[in-house]
Amino acid sequence: MADVADAQGRSTHGRRPWGRRGRLLWQIPDLAAGGMVMVVACTVALFPQAVTSADPMRTGGVPLQPPSHAHPLGTDDLGRDLWSNVAFGAHGQGGAGATALATVAGVAVGAAAGLYGGWWDEGLMRGAEFVQVIPRLLVALLLVALFGGDLLILVAVIALTGWPMTARLVRGEVLALRERDFALAARALGASGWRLLWRHLLPNAFPAVLVGLPIQVGRAILIESGLTFLGVGDPGVPSWGKVMQSAQAYMREAWWLAVFPGIALTVTVLALYLIAEGLHTLTTPTLARQHPLGPWRGERRPADAA
């Protein structure tokens, strides 16, 4: 017998419908595969000391040693353990922080443009277009040359150049939602613009923003790795791009210097894109009806209401 949810969203058996959804999330293959990889990646990034005891910056070992029991991924040209550099390099990726800042800025700009329209919309969107046409790597190189290559500077640069995508996405969602019946009813009942935005428009625009977050994180990681590959960044912080830069001169005799950091970067970005694809399936009603989860946006299938 199917559970019937009451007005507060609780089932007759005292369990929230979201508990069932959470267990069934793993039935979407893309989301399940990407999620498992990112759980491992985030664990290594947050607790690198749990997977390696070697100091990633310690030199003095045998240089260019191939993978062995003592050094599972080999050593670099300075005798540093490559596995510890890969593990601590995951901690040094600023993709999540940069994406968080860019998302906050993009949501604020897109919400204001979509809610007020008129010259607000024109001005903010022209500003977003101006930021989009500027080469991100060129801006990053310029700002790092002026203010230094600290990781926080790289995060700020990526965030300052990454918000237009989210802004345009949120603007489009707000423009579409503000003409829906529920938004018109809220206005008729006297809801102010900001109350309409926070209580009705942004919650319904959230699924579209959620799908874009993993893609933004993946792009930020690629940009950070590209900048460190070009020699921009803090020399005291391990980075996958920095390891691959040092591998250029030893591609024939020390293949592991480029292969293992490249695999870590590729698998991480691929997992983020798989998560985005899975979230797209989950938030699109026509696709989600093919799964036991049902759509994200609150539509209930007839079987759920029985």
C-alpha atoms as a PDB file:
ATOM      1  CA  MET A   1       0.000   0.000   0.000  1.00  0.00           C
ATOM      2  CA  ALA A   2       1.509   3.320  -1.072  1.00  0.00           C
ATOM      3  CA  ASP A   3       2.172   6.045   1.466  1.00  0.00           C
ATOM      4  CA  VAL A   4      -0.031   9.123   1.254  1.00  0.00           C
ATOM      5  CA  ALA A   5       1.641  12.450   2.100  1.00  0.00           C
ATOM      6  CA  ASP A   6      -0.200  14.991   4.211  1.00  0.00           C
ATOM      7  CA  ALA A   7      -0.127  18.799   3.832  1.00  0.00           C
ATOM      8  CA  GLN A   8       3.182  19.066   5.712  1.00  0.00           C
ATOM      9  CA  GLY A   9       4.899  16.658   3.301  1.00  0.00           C
ATOM     10  CA  ARG A  10       5.041  13.745   5.795  1.00  0.00           C
ATOM     11  CA  SER A  11       3.833  10.296   4.853  1.00  0.00           C
ATOM     12  CA  THR A  12       1.203   8.440   6.811  1.00  0.00           C
ATOM     13  CA  HIS A  13       3.936   6.161   8.130  1.00  0.00           C
ATOM     14  CA  GLY A  14       5.870   9.093   9.593  1.00  0.00           C
ATOM     15  CA  ARG A  15       8.582   9.174   6.926  1.00  0.00           C
ATOM     16  CA  ARG A  16       9.320  12.092   4.630  1.00  0.00           C
ATOM     17  CA  PRO A  17       9.040  11.433   0.858  1.00  0.00           C
ATOM     18  CA  TRP A  18      12.561  12.840   0.499  1.00  0.00           C
ATOM     19  CA  GLY A  19      13.931   9.830   2.397  1.00  0.00           C
ATOM     20  CA  ARG A  20      12.727   7.535  -0.383  1.00  0.00           C
ATOM     21  CA  ARG A  21      14.064   9.900  -3.021  1.00  0.00           C
ATOM     22  CA  GLY A  22      17.459  10.000  -1.333  1.00  0.00           C
ATOM     23  CA  ARG A  23      17.725   6.202  -1.411  1.00  0.00           C
ATOM     24  CA  LEU A  24      16.641   6.031  -5.042  1.00  0.00           C
ATOM     25  CA  LEU A  25      19.055   8.709  -6.272  1.00  0.00           C
ATOM     26  CA  TRP A  26      21.619   5.984  -6.927  1.00  0.00           C
ATOM     27  CA  GLN A  27      19.333   4.438  -9.554  1.00  0.00           C
ATOM     28  CA  ILE A  28      20.429   7.162 -11.997  1.00  0.00           C
ATOM     29  CA  PRO A  29      23.720   5.721 -13.360  1.00  0.00           C
ATOM     30  CA  ASP A  30      25.407   9.052 -14.185  1.00  0.00           C
ATOM     31  CA  LEU A  31      24.612  10.510 -10.776  1.00  0.00           C
ATOM     32  CA  ALA A  32      25.654   7.351  -8.961  1.00  0.00           C
ATOM     33  CA  ALA A  33      28.999   6.996 -10.775  1.00  0.00           C
ATOM     34  CA  GLY A  34      29.903  10.675 -10.524  1.00  0.00           C
ATOM     35  CA  GLY A  35      28.790  10.851  -6.903  1.00  0.00           C
ATOM     36  CA  MET A  36      30.934   7.905  -5.812  1.00  0.00           C
ATOM     37  CA  VAL A  37      34.014   9.333  -7.532  1.00  0.00           C
ATOM     38  CA  MET A  38      33.459  12.761  -5.963  1.00  0.00           C
ATOM     39  CA  VAL A  39      32.994  11.240  -2.498  1.00  0.00           C
ATOM     40  CA  VAL A  40      36.451   9.693  -2.834  1.00  0.00           C
ATOM     41  CA  ALA A  41      37.938  12.878  -4.325  1.00  0.00           C
ATOM     42  CA  CYS A  42      36.475  15.108  -1.607  1.00  0.00           C
ATOM     43  CA  THR A  43      37.662  12.743   1.122  1.00  0.00           C
ATOM     44  CA  VAL A  44      41.204  12.835  -0.260  1.00  0.00           C
ATOM     45  CA  ALA A  45      41.034  16.618  -0.685  1.00  0.00           C
ATOM     46  CA  LEU A  46      39.816  17.222   2.870  1.00  0.00           C
ATOM     47  CA  PHE A  47      41.965  14.588   4.604  1.00  0.00           C
ATOM     48  CA  PRO A  48      45.105  14.011   2.501  1.00  0.00           C
ATOM     49  CA  GLN A  49      47.046  13.004   5.623  1.00  0.00           C
ATOM     50  CA  ALA A  50      44.761   9.955   5.898  1.00  0.00           C
ATOM     51  CA  VAL A  51      45.986   8.495   2.597  1.00  0.00           C
ATOM     52  CA  THR A  52      49.652   9.502   2.674  1.00  0.00           C
ATOM     53  CA  SER A  53      52.167  10.332   5.360  1.00  0.00           C
ATOM     54  CA  ALA A  54      54.795  11.779   3.021  1.00  0.00           C
ATOM     55  CA  ASP A  55      55.417  15.522   2.860  1.00  0.00           C
ATOM     56  CA  PRO A  56      54.607  16.624  -0.720  1.00  0.00           C
ATOM     57  CA  MET A  57      57.237  19.376  -0.617  1.00  0.00           C
ATOM     58  CA  ARG A  58      60.043  17.301   0.904  1.00  0.00           C
ATOM     59  CA  THR A  59      62.989  16.804  -1.457  1.00  0.00           C
ATOM     60  CA  GLY A  60      66.033  14.609  -1.141  1.00  0.00           C
ATOM     61  CA  GLY A  61      64.635  11.296  -2.322  1.00  0.00           C
ATOM     62  CA  VAL A  62      65.716   9.387  -5.407  1.00  0.00           C
ATOM     63  CA  PRO A  63      64.641  11.551  -8.382  1.00  0.00           C
ATOM     64  CA  LEU A  64      62.536  10.129 -11.213  1.00  0.00           C
ATOM     65  CA  GLN A  65      61.983   6.816  -9.466  1.00  0.00           C
ATOM     66  CA  PRO A  66      59.249   4.746 -11.185  1.00  0.00           C
ATOM     67  CA  PRO A  67      56.196   3.522  -9.256  1.00  0.00           C
ATOM     68  CA  SER A  68      57.212   1.141  -6.492  1.00  0.00           C
ATOM     69  CA  HIS A  69      56.066  -0.120  -3.112  1.00  0.00           C
ATOM     70  CA  ALA A  70      57.714   2.816  -1.339  1.00  0.00           C
ATOM     71  CA  HIS A  71      56.373   5.340  -3.843  1.00  0.00           C
ATOM     72  CA  PRO A  72      53.138   4.027  -5.448  1.00  0.00           C
ATOM     73  CA  LEU A  73      53.153   6.709  -8.163  1.00  0.00           C
ATOM     74  CA  GLY A  74      56.914   7.250  -8.337  1.00  0.00           C
ATOM     75  CA  THR A  75      58.897  10.425  -7.597  1.00  0.00           C
ATOM     76  CA  ASP A  76      59.448  13.663  -9.499  1.00  0.00           C
ATOM     77  CA  ASP A  77      62.649  15.318 -10.670  1.00  0.00           C
ATOM     78  CA  LEU A  78      63.362  16.619  -7.134  1.00  0.00           C
ATOM     79  CA  GLY A  79      62.755  13.289  -5.419  1.00  0.00           C
ATOM     80  CA  ARG A  80      59.352  14.247  -4.032  1.00  0.00           C
ATOM     81  CA  ASP A  81      56.696  11.570  -3.628  1.00  0.00           C
ATOM     82  CA  LEU A  82      54.217  11.911  -6.505  1.00  0.00           C
ATOM     83  CA  TRP A  83      51.301  10.248  -4.661  1.00  0.00           C
ATOM     84  CA  SER A  84      51.485  12.828  -1.873  1.00  0.00           C
ATOM     85  CA  ASN A  85      51.599  15.610  -4.481  1.00  0.00           C
ATOM     86  CA  VAL A  86      48.493  14.231  -6.192  1.00  0.00           C
ATOM     87  CA  ALA A  87      46.666  13.825  -2.867  1.00  0.00           C
ATOM     88  CA  PHE A  88      47.579  17.272  -1.537  1.00  0.00           C
ATOM     89  CA  GLY A  89      47.044  18.723  -5.004  1.00  0.00           C
ATOM     90  CA  ALA A  90      43.362  17.798  -4.716  1.00  0.00           C
ATOM     91  CA  HIS A  91      43.267  19.907  -1.556  1.00  0.00           C
ATOM     92  CA  GLY A  92      44.830  22.793  -3.449  1.00  0.00           C
ATOM     93  CA  GLN A  93      42.147  22.933  -6.162  1.00  0.00           C
ATOM     94  CA  GLY A  94      40.047  26.065  -5.654  1.00  0.00           C
ATOM     95  CA  GLY A  95      37.122  25.022  -7.847  1.00  0.00           C
ATOM     96  CA  ALA A  96      34.514  24.702  -5.098  1.00  0.00           C
ATOM     97  CA  GLY A  97      35.335  28.035  -3.459  1.00  0.00           C
ATOM     98  CA  ALA A  98      35.462  29.888  -6.770  1.00  0.00           C
ATOM     99  CA  THR A  99      32.165  28.356  -7.866  1.00  0.00           C
ATOM    100  CA  ALA A 100      30.485  29.292  -4.588  1.00  0.00           C
ATOM    101  CA  LEU A 101      31.496  32.938  -4.970  1.00  0.00           C
ATOM    102  CA  ALA A 102      30.563  33.002  -8.656  1.00  0.00           C
ATOM    103  CA  THR A 103      27.178  31.397  -7.924  1.00  0.00           C
ATOM    104  CA  VAL A 104      26.297  33.927  -5.230  1.00  0.00           C
ATOM    105  CA  ALA A 105      27.216  36.819  -7.509  1.00  0.00           C
ATOM    106  CA  GLY A 106      25.460  35.273 -10.513  1.00  0.00           C
ATOM    107  CA  VAL A 107      22.245  34.565  -8.605  1.00  0.00           C
ATOM    108  CA  ALA A 108      22.161  38.124  -7.245  1.00  0.00           C
ATOM    109  CA  VAL A 109      22.744  39.725 -10.650  1.00  0.00           C
ATOM    110  CA  GLY A 110      20.391  37.397 -12.535  1.00  0.00           C
ATOM    111  CA  ALA A 111      17.606  37.730  -9.953  1.00  0.00           C
ATOM    112  CA  ALA A 112      17.782  41.528  -9.992  1.00  0.00           C
ATOM    113  CA  ALA A 113      17.808  41.629 -13.803  1.00  0.00           C
ATOM    114  CA  GLY A 114      14.878  39.246 -14.151  1.00  0.00           C
ATOM    115  CA  LEU A 115      12.774  40.755 -11.366  1.00  0.00           C
ATOM    116  CA  TYR A 116      13.059  44.447 -12.227  1.00  0.00           C
ATOM    117  CA  GLY A 117      13.607  44.321 -15.991  1.00  0.00           C
ATOM    118  CA  GLY A 118      13.966  47.592 -17.895  1.00  0.00           C
ATOM    119  CA  TRP A 119      17.257  49.401 -17.599  1.00  0.00           C
ATOM    120  CA  TRP A 120      18.287  47.096 -14.719  1.00  0.00           C
ATOM    121  CA  ASP A 121      18.052  44.135 -17.061  1.00  0.00           C
ATOM    122  CA  GLU A 122      19.841  45.904 -19.910  1.00  0.00           C
ATOM    123  CA  GLY A 123      22.676  47.236 -17.769  1.00  0.00           C
ATOM    124  CA  LEU A 124      23.355  44.034 -15.828  1.00  0.00           C
ATOM    125  CA  MET A 125      23.194  41.795 -18.887  1.00  0.00           C
ATOM    126  CA  ARG A 126      25.475  44.071 -20.896  1.00  0.00           C
ATOM    127  CA  GLY A 127      27.919  43.885 -18.001  1.00  0.00           C
ATOM    128  CA  ALA A 128      27.685  40.088 -18.020  1.00  0.00           C
ATOM    129  CA  GLU A 129      28.351  40.008 -21.762  1.00  0.00           C
ATOM    130  CA  PHE A 130      31.371  42.280 -21.313  1.00  0.00           C
ATOM    131  CA  VAL A 131      32.850  39.906 -18.716  1.00  0.00           C
ATOM    132  CA  GLN A 132      32.144  36.886 -20.927  1.00  0.00           C
ATOM    133  CA  VAL A 133      34.032  38.222 -23.952  1.00  0.00           C
ATOM    134  CA  ILE A 134      37.184  38.936 -21.950  1.00  0.00           C
ATOM    135  CA  PRO A 135      39.641  35.984 -22.097  1.00  0.00           C
ATOM    136  CA  ARG A 136      39.652  34.474 -18.613  1.00  0.00           C
ATOM    137  CA  LEU A 137      43.242  33.287 -18.755  1.00  0.00           C
ATOM    138  CA  LEU A 138      44.428  36.745 -19.833  1.00  0.00           C
ATOM    139  CA  VAL A 139      42.589  38.412 -16.944  1.00  0.00           C
ATOM    140  CA  ALA A 140      43.919  35.814 -14.531  1.00  0.00           C
ATOM    141  CA  LEU A 141      47.504  36.280 -15.694  1.00  0.00           C
ATOM    142  CA  LEU A 142      47.191  40.066 -15.413  1.00  0.00           C
ATOM    143  CA  LEU A 143      45.691  40.049 -11.907  1.00  0.00           C
ATOM    144  CA  VAL A 144      48.113  37.424 -10.643  1.00  0.00           C
ATOM    145  CA  ALA A 145      51.019  39.465 -12.016  1.00  0.00           C
ATOM    146  CA  LEU A 146      49.714  42.507 -10.106  1.00  0.00           C
ATOM    147  CA  PHE A 147      48.648  40.879  -6.823  1.00  0.00           C
ATOM    148  CA  GLY A 148      50.616  37.636  -6.637  1.00  0.00           C
ATOM    149  CA  GLY A 149      49.870  33.970  -7.235  1.00  0.00           C
ATOM    150  CA  ASP A 150      48.282  33.075  -3.895  1.00  0.00           C
ATOM    151  CA  LEU A 151      45.517  30.456  -4.041  1.00  0.00           C
ATOM    152  CA  LEU A 152      42.980  32.998  -2.756  1.00  0.00           C
ATOM    153  CA  ILE A 153      43.886  35.311  -5.641  1.00  0.00           C
ATOM    154  CA  LEU A 154      43.285  32.495  -8.123  1.00  0.00           C
ATOM    155  CA  VAL A 155      39.920  31.710  -6.514  1.00  0.00           C
ATOM    156  CA  ALA A 156      38.907  35.379  -6.664  1.00  0.00           C
ATOM    157  CA  VAL A 157      39.958  35.667 -10.318  1.00  0.00           C
ATOM    158  CA  ILE A 158      37.989  32.561 -11.322  1.00  0.00           C
ATOM    159  CA  ALA A 159      34.937  33.776  -9.381  1.00  0.00           C
ATOM    160  CA  LEU A 160      35.062  37.275 -10.904  1.00  0.00           C
ATOM    161  CA  THR A 161      35.081  35.824 -14.406  1.00  0.00           C
ATOM    162  CA  GLY A 162      32.689  32.913 -13.831  1.00  0.00           C
ATOM    163  CA  TRP A 163      29.448  34.538 -12.620  1.00  0.00           C
ATOM    164  CA  PRO A 164      27.858  35.535 -16.011  1.00  0.00           C
ATOM    165  CA  MET A 165      26.796  31.972 -16.842  1.00  0.00           C
ATOM    166  CA  THR A 166      24.801  31.668 -13.618  1.00  0.00           C
ATOM    167  CA  ALA A 167      23.451  35.206 -13.968  1.00  0.00           C
ATOM    168  CA  ARG A 168      22.020  34.570 -17.431  1.00  0.00           C
ATOM    169  CA  LEU A 169      20.556  31.251 -16.322  1.00  0.00           C
ATOM    170  CA  VAL A 170      18.833  32.743 -13.257  1.00  0.00           C
ATOM    171  CA  ARG A 171      17.577  35.720 -15.259  1.00  0.00           C
ATOM    172  CA  GLY A 172      15.920  33.438 -17.796  1.00  0.00           C
ATOM    173  CA  GLU A 173      14.278  31.353 -15.078  1.00  0.00           C
ATOM    174  CA  VAL A 174      12.999  34.417 -13.191  1.00  0.00           C
ATOM    175  CA  LEU A 175      11.623  35.990 -16.382  1.00  0.00           C
ATOM    176  CA  ALA A 176       9.708  32.799 -17.156  1.00  0.00           C
ATOM    177  CA  LEU A 177       8.492  32.163 -13.616  1.00  0.00           C
ATOM    178  CA  ARG A 178       7.304  35.667 -12.784  1.00  0.00           C
ATOM    179  CA  GLU A 179       4.519  35.323 -15.386  1.00  0.00           C
ATOM    180  CA  ARG A 180       3.266  32.017 -14.003  1.00  0.00           C
ATOM    181  CA  ASP A 181      -0.078  31.820 -12.193  1.00  0.00           C
ATOM    182  CA  PHE A 182       1.412  31.354  -8.729  1.00  0.00           C
ATOM    183  CA  ALA A 183       3.577  34.472  -9.137  1.00  0.00           C
ATOM    184  CA  LEU A 184       0.636  36.532 -10.406  1.00  0.00           C
ATOM    185  CA  ALA A 185      -1.477  35.295  -7.483  1.00  0.00           C
ATOM    186  CA  ALA A 186       1.241  36.268  -5.001  1.00  0.00           C
ATOM    187  CA  ARG A 187       1.376  39.769  -6.503  1.00  0.00           C
ATOM    188  CA  ALA A 188      -2.416  40.054  -6.310  1.00  0.00           C
ATOM    189  CA  LEU A 189      -2.247  39.182  -2.612  1.00  0.00           C
ATOM    190  CA  GLY A 190       0.184  42.058  -2.037  1.00  0.00           C
ATOM    191  CA  ALA A 191       3.544  40.269  -2.008  1.00  0.00           C
ATOM    192  CA  SER A 192       6.458  42.652  -2.462  1.00  0.00           C
ATOM    193  CA  GLY A 193       9.064  42.116  -5.156  1.00  0.00           C
ATOM    194  CA  TRP A 194      11.678  40.720  -2.803  1.00  0.00           C
ATOM    195  CA  ARG A 195       9.189  38.453  -1.025  1.00  0.00           C
ATOM    196  CA  LEU A 196       8.028  37.135  -4.384  1.00  0.00           C
ATOM    197  CA  LEU A 197      11.636  36.529  -5.347  1.00  0.00           C
ATOM    198  CA  TRP A 198      12.734  34.737  -2.152  1.00  0.00           C
ATOM    199  CA  ARG A 199       9.566  32.771  -1.456  1.00  0.00           C
ATOM    200  CA  HIS A 200       8.484  31.803  -4.958  1.00  0.00           C
ATOM    201  CA  LEU A 201      10.857  32.569  -7.835  1.00  0.00           C
ATOM    202  CA  LEU A 202      14.289  31.536  -6.544  1.00  0.00           C
ATOM    203  CA  PRO A 203      13.127  28.217  -5.020  1.00  0.00           C
ATOM    204  CA  ASN A 204      11.648  27.248  -8.395  1.00  0.00           C
ATOM    205  CA  ALA A 205      14.774  28.426 -10.233  1.00  0.00           C
ATOM    206  CA  PHE A 206      17.025  26.433  -7.904  1.00  0.00           C
ATOM    207  CA  PRO A 207      16.981  23.161  -9.929  1.00  0.00           C
ATOM    208  CA  ALA A 208      18.398  24.921 -13.006  1.00  0.00           C
ATOM    209  CA  VAL A 209      21.161  26.492 -10.887  1.00  0.00           C
ATOM    210  CA  LEU A 210      21.866  23.139  -9.237  1.00  0.00           C
ATOM    211  CA  VAL A 211      22.486  21.461 -12.590  1.00  0.00           C
ATOM    212  CA  GLY A 212      25.018  24.121 -13.546  1.00  0.00           C
ATOM    213  CA  LEU A 213      27.033  23.928 -10.301  1.00  0.00           C
ATOM    214  CA  PRO A 214      29.063  20.774 -11.108  1.00  0.00           C
ATOM    215  CA  ILE A 215      29.893  22.141 -14.554  1.00  0.00           C
ATOM    216  CA  GLN A 216      31.073  25.402 -12.996  1.00  0.00           C
ATOM    217  CA  VAL A 217      33.255  23.519 -10.507  1.00  0.00           C
ATOM    218  CA  GLY A 218      34.780  21.437 -13.300  1.00  0.00           C
ATOM    219  CA  ARG A 219      35.587  24.511 -15.370  1.00  0.00           C
ATOM    220  CA  ALA A 220      37.096  26.259 -12.350  1.00  0.00           C
ATOM    221  CA  ILE A 221      39.336  23.257 -11.648  1.00  0.00           C
ATOM    222  CA  LEU A 222      40.496  23.210 -15.276  1.00  0.00           C
ATOM    223  CA  ILE A 223      41.271  26.942 -15.201  1.00  0.00           C
ATOM    224  CA  GLU A 224      43.177  26.642 -11.917  1.00  0.00           C
ATOM    225  CA  SER A 225      45.179  23.713 -13.261  1.00  0.00           C
ATOM    226  CA  GLY A 226      45.850  25.603 -16.496  1.00  0.00           C
ATOM    227  CA  LEU A 227      47.119  28.639 -14.626  1.00  0.00           C
ATOM    228  CA  THR A 228      49.460  26.600 -12.429  1.00  0.00           C
ATOM    229  CA  PHE A 229      50.622  24.723 -15.536  1.00  0.00           C
ATOM    230  CA  LEU A 230      51.652  28.098 -16.982  1.00  0.00           C
ATOM    231  CA  GLY A 231      53.653  28.780 -13.823  1.00  0.00           C
ATOM    232  CA  VAL A 232      51.108  31.044 -12.131  1.00  0.00           C
ATOM    233  CA  GLY A 233      50.364  30.189  -8.536  1.00  0.00           C
ATOM    234  CA  ASP A 234      51.809  29.724  -5.081  1.00  0.00           C
ATOM    235  CA  PRO A 235      54.994  27.620  -5.335  1.00  0.00           C
ATOM    236  CA  GLY A 236      54.424  26.352  -1.795  1.00  0.00           C
ATOM    237  CA  VAL A 237      51.030  24.761  -2.599  1.00  0.00           C
ATOM    238  CA  PRO A 238      50.921  21.407  -4.457  1.00  0.00           C
ATOM    239  CA  SER A 239      48.878  21.459  -7.659  1.00  0.00           C
ATOM    240  CA  TRP A 240      48.128  18.989 -10.430  1.00  0.00           C
ATOM    241  CA  GLY A 241      48.941  21.608 -13.050  1.00  0.00           C
ATOM    242  CA  LYS A 242      52.294  22.304 -11.441  1.00  0.00           C
ATOM    243  CA  VAL A 243      53.230  18.619 -11.441  1.00  0.00           C
ATOM    244  CA  MET A 244      52.287  18.297 -15.113  1.00  0.00           C
ATOM    245  CA  GLN A 245      54.355  21.388 -15.904  1.00  0.00           C
ATOM    246  CA  SER A 246      57.448  19.793 -14.372  1.00  0.00           C
ATOM    247  CA  ALA A 247      56.765  16.641 -16.398  1.00  0.00           C
ATOM    248  CA  GLN A 248      57.324  18.352 -19.767  1.00  0.00           C
ATOM    249  CA  ALA A 249      61.073  17.836 -19.704  1.00  0.00           C
ATOM    250  CA  TYR A 250      60.809  14.160 -18.694  1.00  0.00           C
ATOM    251  CA  MET A 251      58.003  12.794 -20.858  1.00  0.00           C
ATOM    252  CA  ARG A 252      60.081   9.888 -22.255  1.00  0.00           C
ATOM    253  CA  GLU A 253      62.001   8.744 -19.199  1.00  0.00           C
ATOM    254  CA  ALA A 254      59.366   9.568 -16.522  1.00  0.00           C
ATOM    255  CA  TRP A 255      55.905   9.053 -18.042  1.00  0.00           C
ATOM    256  CA  TRP A 256      54.265   8.798 -14.616  1.00  0.00           C
ATOM    257  CA  LEU A 257      54.826  12.503 -13.893  1.00  0.00           C
ATOM    258  CA  ALA A 258      52.222  13.493 -16.468  1.00  0.00           C
ATOM    259  CA  VAL A 259      49.983  10.413 -16.518  1.00  0.00           C
ATOM    260  CA  PHE A 260      48.873  10.182 -12.889  1.00  0.00           C
ATOM    261  CA  PRO A 261      48.069  13.891 -12.288  1.00  0.00           C
ATOM    262  CA  GLY A 262      46.366  13.941 -15.703  1.00  0.00           C
ATOM    263  CA  ILE A 263      44.228  10.947 -14.745  1.00  0.00           C
ATOM    264  CA  ALA A 264      43.284  12.599 -11.447  1.00  0.00           C
ATOM    265  CA  LEU A 265      42.264  15.800 -13.238  1.00  0.00           C
ATOM    266  CA  THR A 266      40.361  13.986 -16.000  1.00  0.00           C
ATOM    267  CA  VAL A 267      38.460  11.655 -13.679  1.00  0.00           C
ATOM    268  CA  THR A 268      37.490  14.507 -11.336  1.00  0.00           C
ATOM    269  CA  VAL A 269      36.144  16.737 -14.108  1.00  0.00           C
ATOM    270  CA  LEU A 270      34.411  13.795 -15.800  1.00  0.00           C
ATOM    271  CA  ALA A 271      32.716  12.869 -12.516  1.00  0.00           C
ATOM    272  CA  LEU A 272      31.440  16.424 -12.128  1.00  0.00           C
ATOM    273  CA  TYR A 273      29.989  16.377 -15.629  1.00  0.00           C
ATOM    274  CA  LEU A 274      28.330  13.017 -14.908  1.00  0.00           C
ATOM    275  CA  ILE A 275      26.756  14.532 -11.791  1.00  0.00           C
ATOM    276  CA  ALA A 276      25.473  17.448 -13.871  1.00  0.00           C
ATOM    277  CA  GLU A 277      23.976  15.018 -16.397  1.00  0.00           C
ATOM    278  CA  GLY A 278      22.333  13.035 -13.630  1.00  0.00           C
ATOM    279  CA  LEU A 279      20.909  16.176 -12.025  1.00  0.00           C
ATOM    280  CA  HIS A 280      19.588  17.227 -15.425  1.00  0.00           C
ATOM    281  CA  THR A 281      17.744  13.918 -15.665  1.00  0.00           C
ATOM    282  CA  LEU A 282      16.419  14.355 -12.130  1.00  0.00           C
ATOM    283  CA  THR A 283      15.165  17.908 -12.659  1.00  0.00           C
ATOM    284  CA  THR A 284      13.598  17.391 -16.095  1.00  0.00           C
ATOM    285  CA  PRO A 285      10.071  15.971 -15.712  1.00  0.00           C
ATOM    286  CA  THR A 286      10.009  14.250 -19.109  1.00  0.00           C
ATOM    287  CA  LEU A 287      13.279  12.460 -18.306  1.00  0.00           C
ATOM    288  CA  ALA A 288      12.628  11.901 -14.615  1.00  0.00           C
ATOM    289  CA  ARG A 289       9.383  10.023 -15.299  1.00  0.00           C
ATOM    290  CA  GLN A 290      11.545   7.267 -16.746  1.00  0.00           C
ATOM    291  CA  HIS A 291      13.003   6.713 -13.251  1.00  0.00           C
ATOM    292  CA  PRO A 292      11.314   5.682  -9.999  1.00  0.00           C
ATOM    293  CA  LEU A 293      12.250   9.062  -8.529  1.00  0.00           C
ATOM    294  CA  GLY A 294       9.728  11.160 -10.384  1.00  0.00           C
ATOM    295  CA  PRO A 295      10.511  14.788 -11.305  1.00  0.00           C
ATOM    296  CA  TRP A 296      12.290  17.188  -8.937  1.00  0.00           C
ATOM    297  CA  ARG A 297       9.907  20.109  -9.311  1.00  0.00           C
ATOM    298  CA  GLY A 298       7.155  18.662  -7.167  1.00  0.00           C
ATOM    299  CA  GLU A 299       4.954  16.926  -9.730  1.00  0.00           C
ATOM    300  CA  ARG A 300       3.605  13.687  -8.355  1.00  0.00           C
ATOM    301  CA  ARG A 301       2.941  10.736 -10.566  1.00  0.00           C
ATOM    302  CA  PRO A 302      -0.477   9.115 -10.353  1.00  0.00           C
ATOM    303  CA  ALA A 303       1.061   6.055  -8.715  1.00  0.00           C
ATOM    304  CA  ASP A 304       2.449   8.217  -5.894  1.00  0.00           C
ATOM    305  CA  ALA A 305      -0.902   9.738  -5.159  1.00  0.00           C
ATOM    306  CA  ALA A 306      -2.716   6.412  -5.045  1.00  0.00           C
END
